[in-house]
Amino acid sequence: APAVLQFLRTFTNPFILILLFLVVVMVFTDI
């Protein structure tokens, strides 16, 4: 796949998705 699509696919890892969710929550709670 194109490089951009390959890079975006790396974020589909389940652990990374959980961390991204926590980042969003912390943006609201801490900032």
ModelCIF file with pLDDT and N, C-alpha, C, O atoms, coordinates in Angstrom:
data_MODEL
#
_entry.id   MODEL 
#
_entity.id                         1 
_entity.type                       polymer 
_entity.pdbx_number_of_molecules   1 
#
_entity_poly.entity_id                      1 
_entity_poly.type                           'polypeptide(L)' 
_entity_poly.nstd_linkage                   no 
_entity_poly.nstd_monomer                   no 
_entity_poly.pdbx_seq_one_letter_code       APAVLQFLRTFTNPFILILLFLVVVMVFTDI 
_entity_poly.pdbx_seq_one_letter_code_can   APAVLQFLRTFTNPFILILLFLVVVMVFTDI 
_entity_poly.pdbx_strand_id                 A 
#
loop_
_entity_poly_seq.entity_id 
_entity_poly_seq.num 
_entity_poly_seq.mon_id 
_entity_poly_seq.hetero 
1 1  ALA n 
1 2  PRO n 
1 3  ALA n 
1 4  VAL n 
1 5  LEU n 
1 6  GLN n 
1 7  PHE n 
1 8  LEU n 
1 9  ARG n 
1 10 THR n 
1 11 PHE n 
1 12 THR n 
1 13 ASN n 
1 14 PRO n 
1 15 PHE n 
1 16 ILE n 
1 17 LEU n 
1 18 ILE n 
1 19 LEU n 
1 20 LEU n 
1 21 PHE n 
1 22 LEU n 
1 23 VAL n 
1 24 VAL n 
1 25 VAL n 
1 26 MET n 
1 27 VAL n 
1 28 PHE n 
1 29 THR n 
1 30 ASP n 
1 31 ILE n 
#
_struct_asym.id          A 
_struct_asym.entity_id   1 
#
loop_
_ma_qa_metric.id 
_ma_qa_metric.mode 
_ma_qa_metric.name 
_ma_qa_metric.software_group_id 
_ma_qa_metric.type 
1 global pLDDT . pLDDT 
2 local  pLDDT . pLDDT 
#
_ma_qa_metric_global.metric_id      1 
_ma_qa_metric_global.metric_value   80.03 
_ma_qa_metric_global.model_id       1 
_ma_qa_metric_global.ordinal_id     1 
#
loop_
_ma_qa_metric_local.label_asym_id 
_ma_qa_metric_local.label_comp_id 
_ma_qa_metric_local.label_seq_id 
_ma_qa_metric_local.metric_id 
_ma_qa_metric_local.metric_value 
_ma_qa_metric_local.model_id 
_ma_qa_metric_local.ordinal_id 
A ALA 1  2 71.00 1 1  
A PRO 2  2 79.00 1 2  
A ALA 3  2 80.00 1 3  
A VAL 4  2 84.00 1 4  
A LEU 5  2 84.00 1 5  
A GLN 6  2 81.00 1 6  
A PHE 7  2 84.00 1 7  
A LEU 8  2 85.00 1 8  
A ARG 9  2 82.00 1 9  
A THR 10 2 81.00 1 10 
A PHE 11 2 83.00 1 11 
A THR 12 2 80.00 1 12 
A ASN 13 2 75.00 1 13 
A PRO 14 2 75.00 1 14 
A PHE 15 2 75.00 1 15 
A ILE 16 2 80.00 1 16 
A LEU 17 2 81.00 1 17 
A ILE 18 2 78.00 1 18 
A LEU 19 2 80.00 1 19 
A LEU 20 2 84.00 1 20 
A PHE 21 2 82.00 1 21 
A LEU 22 2 79.00 1 22 
A VAL 23 2 84.00 1 23 
A VAL 24 2 84.00 1 24 
A VAL 25 2 79.00 1 25 
A MET 26 2 79.00 1 26 
A VAL 27 2 83.00 1 27 
A PHE 28 2 79.00 1 28 
A THR 29 2 75.00 1 29 
A ASP 30 2 76.00 1 30 
A ILE 31 2 79.00 1 31 
#
loop_
_atom_site.group_PDB 
_atom_site.id 
_atom_site.type_symbol 
_atom_site.label_atom_id 
_atom_site.label_alt_id 
_atom_site.label_comp_id 
_atom_site.label_asym_id 
_atom_site.label_entity_id 
_atom_site.label_seq_id 
_atom_site.pdbx_PDB_ins_code 
_atom_site.Cartn_x 
_atom_site.Cartn_y 
_atom_site.Cartn_z 
_atom_site.occupancy 
_atom_site.B_iso_or_equiv 
_atom_site.pdbx_formal_charge 
_atom_site.auth_seq_id 
_atom_site.auth_comp_id 
_atom_site.auth_asym_id 
_atom_site.auth_atom_id 
_atom_site.pdbx_PDB_model_num 
ATOM 1   N N  . ALA A 1 1  ? 0.843   -1.192 0.000  1.00 71.00 ? 1  ALA A N  1 
ATOM 2   C CA . ALA A 1 1  ? 0.000   0.000  0.000  1.00 71.00 ? 1  ALA A CA 1 
ATOM 3   C C  . ALA A 1 1  ? 0.883   1.248  0.000  1.00 71.00 ? 1  ALA A C  1 
ATOM 4   O O  . ALA A 1 1  ? 2.069   1.161  0.318  1.00 71.00 ? 1  ALA A O  1 
ATOM 5   N N  . PRO A 1 2  ? 0.323   2.405  -0.352 1.00 79.00 ? 2  PRO A N  1 
ATOM 6   C CA . PRO A 1 2  ? 1.103   3.647  -0.258 1.00 79.00 ? 2  PRO A CA 1 
ATOM 7   C C  . PRO A 1 2  ? 1.641   3.864  1.149  1.00 79.00 ? 2  PRO A C  1 
ATOM 8   O O  . PRO A 1 2  ? 1.072   3.384  2.130  1.00 79.00 ? 2  PRO A O  1 
ATOM 9   N N  . ALA A 1 3  ? 2.747   4.595  1.228  1.00 80.00 ? 3  ALA A N  1 
ATOM 10  C CA . ALA A 1 3  ? 3.426   4.783  2.513  1.00 80.00 ? 3  ALA A CA 1 
ATOM 11  C C  . ALA A 1 3  ? 2.503   5.407  3.563  1.00 80.00 ? 3  ALA A C  1 
ATOM 12  O O  . ALA A 1 3  ? 2.526   5.013  4.729  1.00 80.00 ? 3  ALA A O  1 
ATOM 13  N N  . VAL A 1 4  ? 1.698   6.375  3.145  1.00 84.00 ? 4  VAL A N  1 
ATOM 14  C CA . VAL A 1 4  ? 0.805   7.040  4.100  1.00 84.00 ? 4  VAL A CA 1 
ATOM 15  C C  . VAL A 1 4  ? -0.200  6.044  4.669  1.00 84.00 ? 4  VAL A C  1 
ATOM 16  O O  . VAL A 1 4  ? -0.469  6.041  5.870  1.00 84.00 ? 4  VAL A O  1 
ATOM 17  N N  . LEU A 1 5  ? -0.754  5.195  3.795  1.00 84.00 ? 5  LEU A N  1 
ATOM 18  C CA . LEU A 1 5  ? -1.730  4.211  4.255  1.00 84.00 ? 5  LEU A CA 1 
ATOM 19  C C  . LEU A 1 5  ? -1.077  3.170  5.160  1.00 84.00 ? 5  LEU A C  1 
ATOM 20  O O  . LEU A 1 5  ? -1.674  2.743  6.147  1.00 84.00 ? 5  LEU A O  1 
ATOM 21  N N  . GLN A 1 6  ? 0.144   2.763  4.828  1.00 81.00 ? 6  GLN A N  1 
ATOM 22  C CA . GLN A 1 6  ? 0.858   1.821  5.692  1.00 81.00 ? 6  GLN A CA 1 
ATOM 23  C C  . GLN A 1 6  ? 1.088   2.421  7.077  1.00 81.00 ? 6  GLN A C  1 
ATOM 24  O O  . GLN A 1 6  ? 0.952   1.733  8.088  1.00 81.00 ? 6  GLN A O  1 
ATOM 25  N N  . PHE A 1 7  ? 1.435   3.701  7.117  1.00 84.00 ? 7  PHE A N  1 
ATOM 26  C CA . PHE A 1 7  ? 1.683   4.353  8.397  1.00 84.00 ? 7  PHE A CA 1 
ATOM 27  C C  . PHE A 1 7  ? 0.398   4.421  9.230  1.00 84.00 ? 7  PHE A C  1 
ATOM 28  O O  . PHE A 1 7  ? 0.420   4.173  10.436 1.00 84.00 ? 7  PHE A O  1 
ATOM 29  N N  . LEU A 1 8  ? -0.716  4.757  8.582  1.00 85.00 ? 8  LEU A N  1 
ATOM 30  C CA . LEU A 1 8  ? -1.985  4.840  9.309  1.00 85.00 ? 8  LEU A CA 1 
ATOM 31  C C  . LEU A 1 8  ? -2.432  3.472  9.821  1.00 85.00 ? 8  LEU A C  1 
ATOM 32  O O  . LEU A 1 8  ? -3.059  3.375  10.876 1.00 85.00 ? 8  LEU A O  1 
ATOM 33  N N  . ARG A 1 9  ? -2.106  2.411  9.070  1.00 82.00 ? 9  ARG A N  1 
ATOM 34  C CA . ARG A 1 9  ? -2.500  1.070  9.497  1.00 82.00 ? 9  ARG A CA 1 
ATOM 35  C C  . ARG A 1 9  ? -1.792  0.646  10.770 1.00 82.00 ? 9  ARG A C  1 
ATOM 36  O O  . ARG A 1 9  ? -2.313  -0.185 11.514 1.00 82.00 ? 9  ARG A O  1 
ATOM 37  N N  . THR A 1 10 ? -0.619  1.196  11.037 1.00 81.00 ? 10 THR A N  1 
ATOM 38  C CA . THR A 1 10 ? 0.092   0.823  12.258 1.00 81.00 ? 10 THR A CA 1 
ATOM 39  C C  . THR A 1 10 ? -0.655  1.260  13.506 1.00 81.00 ? 10 THR A C  1 
ATOM 40  O O  . THR A 1 10 ? -0.408  0.729  14.588 1.00 81.00 ? 10 THR A O  1 
ATOM 41  N N  . PHE A 1 11 ? -1.568  2.225  13.373 1.00 83.00 ? 11 PHE A N  1 
ATOM 42  C CA . PHE A 1 11 ? -2.331  2.701  14.526 1.00 83.00 ? 11 PHE A CA 1 
ATOM 43  C C  . PHE A 1 11 ? -3.543  1.830  14.828 1.00 83.00 ? 11 PHE A C  1 
ATOM 44  O O  . PHE A 1 11 ? -4.270  2.090  15.787 1.00 83.00 ? 11 PHE A O  1 
ATOM 45  N N  . THR A 1 12 ? -3.767  0.794  14.015 1.00 80.00 ? 12 THR A N  1 
ATOM 46  C CA . THR A 1 12 ? -4.913  -0.089 14.245 1.00 80.00 ? 12 THR A CA 1 
ATOM 47  C C  . THR A 1 12 ? -4.599  -1.179 15.263 1.00 80.00 ? 12 THR A C  1 
ATOM 48  O O  . THR A 1 12 ? -5.461  -2.001 15.574 1.00 80.00 ? 12 THR A O  1 
ATOM 49  N N  . ASN A 1 13 ? -3.369  -1.192 15.785 1.00 75.00 ? 13 ASN A N  1 
ATOM 50  C CA . ASN A 1 13 ? -3.027  -2.141 16.838 1.00 75.00 ? 13 ASN A CA 1 
ATOM 51  C C  . ASN A 1 13 ? -3.935  -1.914 18.057 1.00 75.00 ? 13 ASN A C  1 
ATOM 52  O O  . ASN A 1 13 ? -4.102  -0.771 18.481 1.00 75.00 ? 13 ASN A O  1 
ATOM 53  N N  . PRO A 1 14 ? -4.517  -2.963 18.623 1.00 75.00 ? 14 PRO A N  1 
ATOM 54  C CA . PRO A 1 14 ? -5.466  -2.779 19.744 1.00 75.00 ? 14 PRO A CA 1 
ATOM 55  C C  . PRO A 1 14 ? -4.902  -1.986 20.908 1.00 75.00 ? 14 PRO A C  1 
ATOM 56  O O  . PRO A 1 14 ? -5.592  -1.125 21.454 1.00 75.00 ? 14 PRO A O  1 
ATOM 57  N N  . PHE A 1 15 ? -3.663  -2.256 21.302 1.00 75.00 ? 15 PHE A N  1 
ATOM 58  C CA . PHE A 1 15 ? -3.063  -1.526 22.415 1.00 75.00 ? 15 PHE A CA 1 
ATOM 59  C C  . PHE A 1 15 ? -2.925  -0.042 22.086 1.00 75.00 ? 15 PHE A C  1 
ATOM 60  O O  . PHE A 1 15 ? -3.194  0.820  22.923 1.00 75.00 ? 15 PHE A O  1 
ATOM 61  N N  . ILE A 1 16 ? -2.500  0.242  20.853 1.00 80.00 ? 16 ILE A N  1 
ATOM 62  C CA . ILE A 1 16 ? -2.337  1.642  20.457 1.00 80.00 ? 16 ILE A CA 1 
ATOM 63  C C  . ILE A 1 16 ? -3.679  2.356  20.438 1.00 80.00 ? 16 ILE A C  1 
ATOM 64  O O  . ILE A 1 16 ? -3.760  3.531  20.795 1.00 80.00 ? 16 ILE A O  1 
ATOM 65  N N  . LEU A 1 17 ? -4.729  1.660  20.028 1.00 81.00 ? 17 LEU A N  1 
ATOM 66  C CA . LEU A 1 17 ? -6.059  2.272  20.033 1.00 81.00 ? 17 LEU A CA 1 
ATOM 67  C C  . LEU A 1 17 ? -6.494  2.627  21.457 1.00 81.00 ? 17 LEU A C  1 
ATOM 68  O O  . LEU A 1 17 ? -7.097  3.675  21.684 1.00 81.00 ? 17 LEU A O  1 
ATOM 69  N N  . ILE A 1 18 ? -6.185  1.748  22.410 1.00 78.00 ? 18 ILE A N  1 
ATOM 70  C CA . ILE A 1 18 ? -6.527  2.057  23.806 1.00 78.00 ? 18 ILE A CA 1 
ATOM 71  C C  . ILE A 1 18 ? -5.747  3.276  24.288 1.00 78.00 ? 18 ILE A C  1 
ATOM 72  O O  . ILE A 1 18 ? -6.298  4.146  24.962 1.00 78.00 ? 18 ILE A O  1 
ATOM 73  N N  . LEU A 1 19 ? -4.463  3.336  23.941 1.00 80.00 ? 19 LEU A N  1 
ATOM 74  C CA . LEU A 1 19 ? -3.653  4.479  24.350 1.00 80.00 ? 19 LEU A CA 1 
ATOM 75  C C  . LEU A 1 19 ? -4.156  5.775  23.714 1.00 80.00 ? 19 LEU A C  1 
ATOM 76  O O  . LEU A 1 19 ? -4.166  6.825  24.358 1.00 80.00 ? 19 LEU A O  1 
ATOM 77  N N  . LEU A 1 20 ? -4.572  5.698  22.453 1.00 84.00 ? 20 LEU A N  1 
ATOM 78  C CA . LEU A 1 20 ? -5.113  6.892  21.801 1.00 84.00 ? 20 LEU A CA 1 
ATOM 79  C C  . LEU A 1 20 ? -6.396  7.349  22.495 1.00 84.00 ? 20 LEU A C  1 
ATOM 80  O O  . LEU A 1 20 ? -6.631  8.547  22.651 1.00 84.00 ? 20 LEU A O  1 
ATOM 81  N N  . PHE A 1 21 ? -7.211  6.401  22.903 1.00 82.00 ? 21 PHE A N  1 
ATOM 82  C CA . PHE A 1 21 ? -8.422  6.758  23.633 1.00 82.00 ? 21 PHE A CA 1 
ATOM 83  C C  . PHE A 1 21 ? -8.073  7.454  24.950 1.00 82.00 ? 21 PHE A C  1 
ATOM 84  O O  . PHE A 1 21 ? -8.706  8.445  25.317 1.00 82.00 ? 21 PHE A O  1 
ATOM 85  N N  . LEU A 1 22 ? -7.070  6.937  25.654 1.00 79.00 ? 22 LEU A N  1 
ATOM 86  C CA . LEU A 1 22 ? -6.647  7.562  26.905 1.00 79.00 ? 22 LEU A CA 1 
ATOM 87  C C  . LEU A 1 22 ? -6.077  8.961  26.664 1.00 79.00 ? 22 LEU A C  1 
ATOM 88  O O  . LEU A 1 22 ? -6.272  9.860  27.483 1.00 79.00 ? 22 LEU A O  1 
ATOM 89  N N  . VAL A 1 23 ? -5.370  9.148  25.542 1.00 84.00 ? 23 VAL A N  1 
ATOM 90  C CA . VAL A 1 23 ? -4.842  10.477 25.208 1.00 84.00 ? 23 VAL A CA 1 
ATOM 91  C C  . VAL A 1 23 ? -5.980  11.468 25.038 1.00 84.00 ? 23 VAL A C  1 
ATOM 92  O O  . VAL A 1 23 ? -5.908  12.596 25.526 1.00 84.00 ? 23 VAL A O  1 
ATOM 93  N N  . VAL A 1 24 ? -7.041  11.041 24.337 1.00 84.00 ? 24 VAL A N  1 
ATOM 94  C CA . VAL A 1 24 ? -8.193  11.919 24.132 1.00 84.00 ? 24 VAL A CA 1 
ATOM 95  C C  . VAL A 1 24 ? -8.835  12.279 25.476 1.00 84.00 ? 24 VAL A C  1 
ATOM 96  O O  . VAL A 1 24 ? -9.184  13.436 25.714 1.00 84.00 ? 24 VAL A O  1 
ATOM 97  N N  . VAL A 1 25 ? -8.986  11.276 26.353 1.00 79.00 ? 25 VAL A N  1 
ATOM 98  C CA . VAL A 1 25 ? -9.576  11.539 27.668 1.00 79.00 ? 25 VAL A CA 1 
ATOM 99  C C  . VAL A 1 25 ? -8.710  12.508 28.465 1.00 79.00 ? 25 VAL A C  1 
ATOM 100 O O  . VAL A 1 25 ? -9.217  13.434 29.097 1.00 79.00 ? 25 VAL A O  1 
ATOM 101 N N  . MET A 1 26 ? -7.386  12.281 28.428 1.00 79.00 ? 26 MET A N  1 
ATOM 102 C CA . MET A 1 26 ? -6.485  13.154 29.179 1.00 79.00 ? 26 MET A CA 1 
ATOM 103 C C  . MET A 1 26 ? -6.452  14.569 28.622 1.00 79.00 ? 26 MET A C  1 
ATOM 104 O O  . MET A 1 26 ? -6.215  15.519 29.368 1.00 79.00 ? 26 MET A O  1 
ATOM 105 N N  . VAL A 1 27 ? -6.683  14.724 27.334 1.00 83.00 ? 27 VAL A N  1 
ATOM 106 C CA . VAL A 1 27 ? -6.747  16.070 26.750 1.00 83.00 ? 27 VAL A CA 1 
ATOM 107 C C  . VAL A 1 27 ? -7.879  16.863 27.406 1.00 83.00 ? 27 VAL A C  1 
ATOM 108 O O  . VAL A 1 27 ? -7.725  18.044 27.718 1.00 83.00 ? 27 VAL A O  1 
ATOM 109 N N  . PHE A 1 28 ? -9.016  16.197 27.610 1.00 79.00 ? 28 PHE A N  1 
ATOM 110 C CA . PHE A 1 28 ? -10.152 16.891 28.224 1.00 79.00 ? 28 PHE A CA 1 
ATOM 111 C C  . PHE A 1 28 ? -9.941  17.088 29.726 1.00 79.00 ? 28 PHE A C  1 
ATOM 112 O O  . PHE A 1 28 ? -10.249 18.153 30.261 1.00 79.00 ? 28 PHE A O  1 
ATOM 113 N N  . THR A 1 29 ? -9.415  16.062 30.410 1.00 75.00 ? 29 THR A N  1 
ATOM 114 C CA . THR A 1 29 ? -9.299  16.148 31.871 1.00 75.00 ? 29 THR A CA 1 
ATOM 115 C C  . THR A 1 29 ? -8.122  17.001 32.326 1.00 75.00 ? 29 THR A C  1 
ATOM 116 O O  . THR A 1 29 ? -8.232  17.733 33.310 1.00 75.00 ? 29 THR A O  1 
ATOM 117 N N  . ASP A 1 30 ? -6.992  16.915 31.616 1.00 76.00 ? 30 ASP A N  1 
ATOM 118 C CA . ASP A 1 30 ? -5.780  17.610 32.063 1.00 76.00 ? 30 ASP A CA 1 
ATOM 119 C C  . ASP A 1 30 ? -5.554  18.962 31.384 1.00 76.00 ? 30 ASP A C  1 
ATOM 120 O O  . ASP A 1 30 ? -4.775  19.783 31.868 1.00 76.00 ? 30 ASP A O  1 
ATOM 121 N N  . ILE A 1 31 ? -6.235  19.188 30.267 1.00 79.00 ? 31 ILE A N  1 
ATOM 122 C CA . ILE A 1 31 ? -5.974  20.427 29.526 1.00 79.00 ? 31 ILE A CA 1 
ATOM 123 C C  . ILE A 1 31 ? -7.236  21.267 29.388 1.00 79.00 ? 31 ILE A C  1 
ATOM 124 O O  . ILE A 1 31 ? -7.199  22.344 28.793 1.00 79.00 ? 31 ILE A O  1 
#
